[in-house]
């Protein structure tokens, strides 16, 4: 029976509980920079009845903390960066990634995560890293919209212009992270284009609609486990080595309240990177797609997830014949 182990908490702390060289491959999609506040933050100290206003970085307007945002139904100014309430002095604690002030800080945090991944990865292990890009904003107006169905701040940095960028610049997040990991010692083996035939619509008039993301293949060492049969694709009546453009429709899991990467996208990664009976790691598990695909293909999985609500989604999503260990 395959085991799916779920570790609840911040991924770097969870990874420290794993034995060195216990993982065959890592398949993951971290929270994208500035896209969404997953609601894991908490307030400490101050007045518990205070709505916890937070001063903004981009204006002198104020925006509420989570409870106040829901009451208002809208967000004014920057609802992410400031970590203290000017009204009562409460301090906001949040360990989730993706809410950093700058792309550089985001890349640095991911480098620190993957240092822990490297420790637990076998010497012949690989990482398959999915990342999407975003654009620098105009610097005007509110930074995002509240997803009323799930109380998340979406597109949080859409109006912010990071230092060194111009309004409307492509930020280049995937390659910033890839090069940072390469500089930290990882072998950057390949960039794969995830082509989306059904991308999210965009109301833009001066560029094309975004219809792709990246998957980076990284390895711990020069020589690594890679099963070419796991990456084969059928063409007419024959098979060939899979090309670097993968056309896969965007998929979603109904209870996850946002688009998740589809099982068809990561199945080749798992099959090529992990032998049967091995263990797949996802430090940013979300709704648990990596664990589900691994288990359905006779692999074990270790999933790290910071949000207890998503841990419950993972638990419900897994088939009853899977052995699930909650830690």
Protein backbone atom coordinates (compact mmCIF):
# COMPACT_ATOMS: atom_id res chain seq x y z
CA UNK A 1 0.00 0.00 0.00
CA UNK A 2 1.30 3.45 -0.90
CA UNK A 3 1.73 6.01 1.86
CA UNK A 4 0.82 9.68 1.62
CA UNK A 5 2.32 11.58 4.55
CA UNK A 6 0.99 15.08 5.19
CA UNK A 7 3.12 17.49 7.23
CA UNK A 8 1.19 20.50 8.50
CA UNK A 9 3.08 23.76 8.95
CA UNK A 10 5.65 25.99 7.28
CA UNK A 11 7.51 23.83 4.76
CA UNK A 12 11.08 24.59 5.88
CA UNK A 13 10.25 23.52 9.42
CA UNK A 14 8.39 20.44 8.17
CA UNK A 15 11.27 19.41 5.91
CA UNK A 16 13.63 19.47 8.89
CA UNK A 17 11.72 16.48 10.31
CA UNK A 18 12.59 14.28 7.31
CA UNK A 19 15.61 12.01 7.08
CA UNK A 20 18.44 12.98 4.71
CA UNK A 21 18.27 11.37 1.26
CA UNK A 22 14.78 9.99 1.87
CA UNK A 23 13.16 11.57 -1.21
CA UNK A 24 13.53 10.48 -4.85
CA UNK A 25 12.09 13.54 -6.57
CA UNK A 26 10.36 16.81 -5.73
CA UNK A 27 7.41 17.98 -7.85
CA UNK A 28 5.92 21.28 -6.76
CA UNK A 29 4.36 24.62 -7.61
CA UNK A 30 5.11 27.26 -4.96
CA UNK A 31 2.76 30.17 -4.32
CA UNK A 32 3.43 32.66 -7.09
CA UNK A 33 4.84 36.00 -6.05
CA UNK A 34 2.13 38.56 -5.29
CA UNK A 35 -0.74 36.50 -6.64
CA UNK A 36 -2.78 35.45 -3.64
CA UNK A 37 -2.99 35.71 0.13
CA UNK A 38 -4.04 32.26 1.27
CA UNK A 39 -5.30 33.50 4.61
CA UNK A 40 -2.72 31.86 6.88
CA UNK A 41 -1.76 35.02 8.77
CA UNK A 42 -2.72 35.65 12.38
CA UNK A 43 -2.70 38.70 14.66
CA UNK A 44 -0.95 38.61 18.01
CA UNK A 45 -1.38 41.06 20.89
CA UNK A 46 -3.33 44.29 20.75
CA UNK A 47 -7.10 44.50 21.03
CA UNK A 48 -8.87 41.29 19.90
CA UNK A 49 -11.95 43.35 18.93
CA UNK A 50 -9.95 45.67 16.68
CA UNK A 51 -10.43 45.21 12.89
CA UNK A 52 -6.64 45.63 12.62
CA UNK A 53 -6.09 48.38 10.09
CA UNK A 54 -2.76 48.28 8.27
CA UNK A 55 -0.93 51.25 6.77
CA UNK A 56 0.02 50.82 3.15
CA UNK A 57 3.35 51.12 1.40
CA UNK A 58 1.99 52.68 -1.75
CA UNK A 59 -0.32 55.27 -0.23
CA UNK A 60 -1.47 56.68 3.09
CA UNK A 61 -4.77 54.87 2.79
CA UNK A 62 -5.45 52.05 5.17
CA UNK A 63 -6.71 48.57 4.57
CA UNK A 64 -8.15 46.14 7.02
CA UNK A 65 -6.87 42.80 8.14
CA UNK A 66 -8.67 39.64 7.11
CA UNK A 67 -11.82 40.16 9.15
CA UNK A 68 -12.22 43.76 8.11
CA UNK A 69 -11.57 42.93 4.45
CA UNK A 70 -14.46 40.50 4.49
CA UNK A 71 -16.74 43.03 6.10
CA UNK A 72 -15.91 45.68 3.54
CA UNK A 73 -15.83 43.36 0.54
CA UNK A 74 -12.99 45.34 -0.99
CA UNK A 75 -9.35 46.14 -0.47
CA UNK A 76 -7.85 49.64 -0.35
CA UNK A 77 -4.12 50.17 -0.68
CA UNK A 78 -1.58 47.48 0.12
CA UNK A 79 -3.13 44.85 2.38
CA UNK A 80 -0.06 42.67 2.58
CA UNK A 81 3.17 44.35 3.51
CA UNK A 82 2.59 46.16 6.78
CA UNK A 83 2.78 43.80 9.75
CA UNK A 84 1.49 45.98 12.58
CA UNK A 85 -1.84 47.58 13.35
CA UNK A 86 -1.54 51.34 13.98
CA UNK A 87 -4.78 51.35 15.99
CA UNK A 88 -4.01 48.72 18.65
CA UNK A 89 -0.40 47.67 18.06
CA UNK A 90 -1.17 44.04 17.18
CA UNK A 91 1.50 42.24 15.18
CA UNK A 92 0.70 40.17 12.14
CA UNK A 93 2.48 36.82 11.80
CA UNK A 94 2.48 35.02 8.47
CA UNK A 95 4.92 32.36 7.25
CA UNK A 96 3.46 31.85 3.80
CA UNK A 97 5.61 32.55 0.76
CA UNK A 98 4.56 34.83 -2.08
CA UNK A 99 3.87 37.99 -0.05
CA UNK A 100 7.44 39.29 -0.01
CA UNK A 101 8.16 42.96 -0.68
CA UNK A 102 10.30 42.26 -3.74
CA UNK A 103 10.95 39.53 -6.32
CA UNK A 104 14.48 39.25 -4.92
CA UNK A 105 13.17 38.40 -1.46
CA UNK A 106 10.80 35.85 -2.98
CA UNK A 107 13.67 34.16 -4.83
CA UNK A 108 15.82 34.16 -1.70
CA UNK A 109 13.07 32.47 0.30
CA UNK A 110 12.65 29.79 -2.35
CA UNK A 111 16.40 29.20 -2.36
CA UNK A 112 16.22 28.57 1.39
CA UNK A 113 13.33 26.14 0.91
CA UNK A 114 15.20 24.17 -1.73
CA UNK A 115 18.29 23.97 0.44
CA UNK A 116 16.17 21.86 2.77
CA UNK A 117 14.83 19.95 -0.23
CA UNK A 118 18.41 19.22 -1.32
CA UNK A 119 19.20 17.82 2.13
CA UNK A 120 16.35 15.29 2.01
CA UNK A 121 16.78 14.48 -1.70
CA UNK A 122 18.74 11.43 -2.75
CA UNK A 123 22.04 12.09 -4.52
CA UNK A 124 20.40 11.06 -7.82
CA UNK A 125 17.26 13.12 -7.11
CA UNK A 126 15.56 15.79 -9.19
CA UNK A 127 13.26 18.77 -8.76
CA UNK A 128 10.43 19.64 -11.14
CA UNK A 129 9.45 23.23 -10.38
CA UNK A 130 6.35 24.90 -11.87
CA UNK A 131 6.27 28.71 -11.86
CA UNK A 132 4.29 31.38 -13.66
CA UNK A 133 5.20 34.99 -14.34
CA UNK A 134 3.52 38.33 -13.66
CA UNK A 135 3.73 41.96 -14.71
CA UNK A 136 4.81 45.01 -12.82
CA UNK A 137 1.82 47.24 -12.11
CA UNK A 138 0.96 50.82 -12.82
CA UNK A 139 1.66 51.96 -9.27
CA UNK A 140 -1.87 53.35 -9.04
CA UNK A 141 -5.01 52.15 -7.37
CA UNK A 142 -5.74 49.17 -5.13
CA UNK A 143 -3.39 46.20 -5.38
CA UNK A 144 -5.91 43.45 -5.88
CA UNK A 145 -9.37 42.02 -5.52
CA UNK A 146 -10.90 40.03 -2.75
CA UNK A 147 -12.06 36.58 -3.73
CA UNK A 148 -15.36 36.58 -1.85
CA UNK A 149 -15.82 32.82 -2.22
CA UNK A 150 -12.65 32.03 -0.31
CA UNK A 151 -11.66 35.28 1.36
CA UNK A 152 -8.33 35.55 -0.40
CA UNK A 153 -6.58 38.60 -1.67
CA UNK A 154 -5.88 37.95 -5.34
CA UNK A 155 -3.34 39.67 -7.61
CA UNK A 156 -2.03 41.46 -4.55
CA UNK A 157 0.94 43.13 -6.27
CA UNK A 158 -0.83 43.99 -9.51
CA UNK A 159 -0.48 47.74 -8.91
CA UNK A 160 2.98 47.73 -7.37
CA UNK A 161 6.15 48.61 -9.29
CA UNK A 162 9.14 46.82 -7.67
CA UNK A 163 12.46 48.65 -7.47
CA UNK A 164 14.43 48.32 -10.69
CA UNK A 165 11.35 47.70 -12.83
CA UNK A 166 9.16 50.02 -14.85
CA UNK A 167 5.34 50.04 -14.92
CA UNK A 168 4.03 47.14 -17.05
CA UNK A 169 7.41 45.34 -17.13
CA UNK A 170 7.36 41.56 -17.18
CA UNK A 171 8.84 40.67 -13.78
CA UNK A 172 10.59 37.48 -14.93
CA UNK A 173 9.93 35.59 -11.70
CA UNK A 174 10.46 32.05 -13.08
CA UNK A 175 13.91 32.80 -14.47
CA UNK A 176 14.92 34.86 -11.43
CA UNK A 177 14.19 31.83 -9.26
CA UNK A 178 15.80 29.37 -11.69
CA UNK A 179 19.02 31.37 -11.87
CA UNK A 180 19.07 31.84 -8.08
CA UNK A 181 18.79 28.07 -7.61
CA UNK A 182 21.49 27.49 -10.21
CA UNK A 183 23.77 29.93 -8.36
CA UNK A 184 23.06 28.00 -5.15
CA UNK A 185 24.45 24.80 -6.62
CA UNK A 186 21.55 23.14 -8.43
CA UNK A 187 22.02 21.86 -11.96
CA UNK A 188 19.51 23.67 -14.17
CA UNK A 189 18.85 20.93 -16.71
CA UNK A 190 15.85 22.09 -18.70
CA UNK A 191 13.03 24.59 -19.08
CA UNK A 192 9.71 23.13 -20.16
CA UNK A 193 6.85 25.24 -21.46
CA UNK A 194 3.40 24.41 -20.14
CA UNK A 195 1.16 25.58 -22.99
CA UNK A 196 -2.43 26.20 -21.86
CA UNK A 197 -5.05 25.92 -24.64
CA UNK A 198 -7.64 27.33 -22.22
CA UNK A 199 -5.83 30.17 -20.39
CA UNK A 200 -7.48 32.65 -18.08
CA UNK A 201 -8.89 35.55 -20.14
CA UNK A 202 -7.14 38.90 -19.84
CA UNK A 203 -8.52 42.33 -20.72
CA UNK A 204 -5.30 43.57 -22.31
CA UNK A 205 -5.02 45.52 -25.56
CA UNK A 206 -1.25 45.99 -25.90
CA UNK A 207 0.16 42.44 -25.60
CA UNK A 208 -0.81 38.81 -26.14
CA UNK A 209 -2.82 36.86 -23.58
CA UNK A 210 -0.61 34.80 -21.30
CA UNK A 211 -1.01 31.12 -22.16
CA UNK A 212 2.05 29.43 -20.71
CA UNK A 213 3.99 28.74 -17.54
CA UNK A 214 7.34 27.08 -16.89
CA UNK A 215 8.47 23.77 -15.46
CA UNK A 216 12.15 23.69 -14.58
CA UNK A 217 14.00 20.40 -14.25
CA UNK A 218 16.81 20.70 -11.72
CA UNK A 219 19.10 18.02 -10.37
CA UNK A 220 21.19 17.66 -7.25
CA UNK A 221 24.15 16.23 -9.18
CA UNK A 222 25.38 15.88 -12.74
CA UNK A 223 24.12 12.30 -12.97
CA UNK A 224 20.60 11.63 -11.77
CA UNK A 225 17.68 9.22 -12.03
CA UNK A 226 15.66 9.82 -15.17
CA UNK A 227 13.42 7.15 -16.67
CA UNK A 228 12.96 8.01 -20.37
CA UNK A 229 9.94 5.72 -20.60
CA UNK A 230 8.16 7.92 -18.09
CA UNK A 231 8.49 10.89 -20.40
CA UNK A 232 7.55 9.19 -23.68
CA UNK A 233 4.68 10.51 -25.76
CA UNK A 234 2.70 8.74 -28.45
CA UNK A 235 2.74 10.18 -31.96
CA UNK A 236 0.56 8.39 -34.51
CA UNK A 237 1.42 4.71 -33.94
CA UNK A 238 4.84 5.25 -32.42
CA UNK A 239 6.43 6.79 -29.32
CA UNK A 240 9.10 9.42 -28.99
CA UNK A 241 10.92 11.39 -26.32
CA UNK A 242 8.63 14.12 -25.04
CA UNK A 243 9.35 17.60 -26.44
CA UNK A 244 9.80 20.70 -24.27
CA UNK A 245 6.36 22.18 -24.99
CA UNK A 246 3.63 20.35 -23.07
CA UNK A 247 0.07 21.19 -24.09
CA UNK A 248 -2.23 20.55 -21.13
CA UNK A 249 -5.55 22.21 -20.34
CA UNK A 250 -5.86 24.19 -17.13
CA UNK A 251 -7.76 22.09 -14.62
CA UNK A 252 -9.25 22.77 -11.22
CA UNK A 253 -10.34 20.87 -8.18
CA UNK A 254 -13.78 22.06 -7.16
CA UNK A 255 -13.13 22.32 -3.42
CA UNK A 256 -9.76 24.10 -3.81
CA UNK A 257 -11.38 27.43 -4.86
CA UNK A 258 -8.59 28.19 -7.36
CA UNK A 259 -6.94 26.61 -10.37
CA UNK A 260 -4.54 23.77 -9.51
CA UNK A 261 -2.01 22.27 -11.83
CA UNK A 262 -3.59 19.34 -13.67
CA UNK A 263 -2.60 15.70 -13.00
CA UNK A 264 -1.68 15.28 -16.68
CA UNK A 265 0.97 17.98 -16.30
CA UNK A 266 2.90 16.38 -13.45
CA UNK A 267 2.41 12.69 -14.23
CA UNK A 268 5.42 12.66 -16.62
CA UNK A 269 7.54 14.41 -13.98
CA UNK A 270 6.71 11.79 -11.38
CA UNK A 271 7.11 8.84 -13.75
CA UNK A 272 10.49 10.06 -15.04
CA UNK A 273 11.86 11.32 -11.74
CA UNK A 274 10.78 8.66 -9.25
CA UNK A 275 11.04 4.86 -9.54
CA UNK A 276 8.09 2.68 -8.60
CA UNK A 277 7.92 2.38 -4.82
CA UNK A 278 9.95 5.58 -4.35
CA UNK A 279 8.87 8.79 -2.65
CA UNK A 280 7.76 12.08 -4.18
CA UNK A 281 7.92 15.34 -2.21
CA UNK A 282 5.74 18.41 -2.61
CA UNK A 283 6.68 21.18 -0.14
CA UNK A 284 3.74 23.33 -1.33
CA UNK A 285 1.01 20.71 -1.51
CA UNK A 286 -2.08 22.90 -1.94
CA UNK A 287 -4.98 20.57 -2.74
CA UNK A 288 -2.72 17.51 -2.92
CA UNK A 289 -2.55 16.83 -6.66
CA UNK A 290 1.07 15.65 -6.43
CA UNK A 291 0.21 13.13 -3.73
CA UNK A 292 -2.82 11.85 -5.62
CA UNK A 293 -0.88 11.32 -8.86
CA UNK A 294 2.05 9.71 -7.04
CA UNK A 295 -0.18 7.26 -5.18
CA UNK A 296 -2.16 6.35 -8.29
CA UNK A 297 1.14 5.44 -9.96
CA UNK A 298 2.56 3.27 -7.16
CA UNK A 299 4.72 5.95 -5.55
CA UNK A 300 4.70 7.23 -1.99
CA UNK A 301 4.34 10.93 -1.25
CA UNK A 302 5.31 13.46 1.40
CA UNK A 303 3.20 16.62 1.28
CA UNK A 304 3.88 19.85 3.22
CA UNK A 305 1.03 22.32 3.61
CA UNK A 306 0.86 25.42 5.80
CA UNK A 307 -2.90 25.93 5.67
CA UNK A 308 -4.98 23.51 7.82
CA UNK A 309 -7.97 24.06 5.52
CA UNK A 310 -6.00 22.67 2.60
CA UNK A 311 -4.78 19.76 4.70
CA UNK A 312 -8.42 18.84 5.19
CA UNK A 313 -9.02 19.17 1.43
CA UNK A 314 -6.10 16.80 0.79
CA UNK A 315 -7.40 14.29 3.29
CA UNK A 316 -10.86 14.28 1.72
CA UNK A 317 -9.48 14.10 -1.80
CA UNK A 318 -7.36 11.00 -1.29
CA UNK A 319 -8.89 7.64 -2.09
CA UNK A 320 -9.96 5.47 0.82
CA UNK A 321 -7.40 2.79 -0.09
CA UNK A 322 -4.46 5.16 0.45
CA UNK A 323 -2.66 5.13 3.75
CA UNK A 324 -2.52 8.73 4.97
CA UNK A 325 -0.33 9.81 7.86
CA UNK A 326 -1.09 13.25 9.29
CA UNK A 327 1.84 14.83 11.13
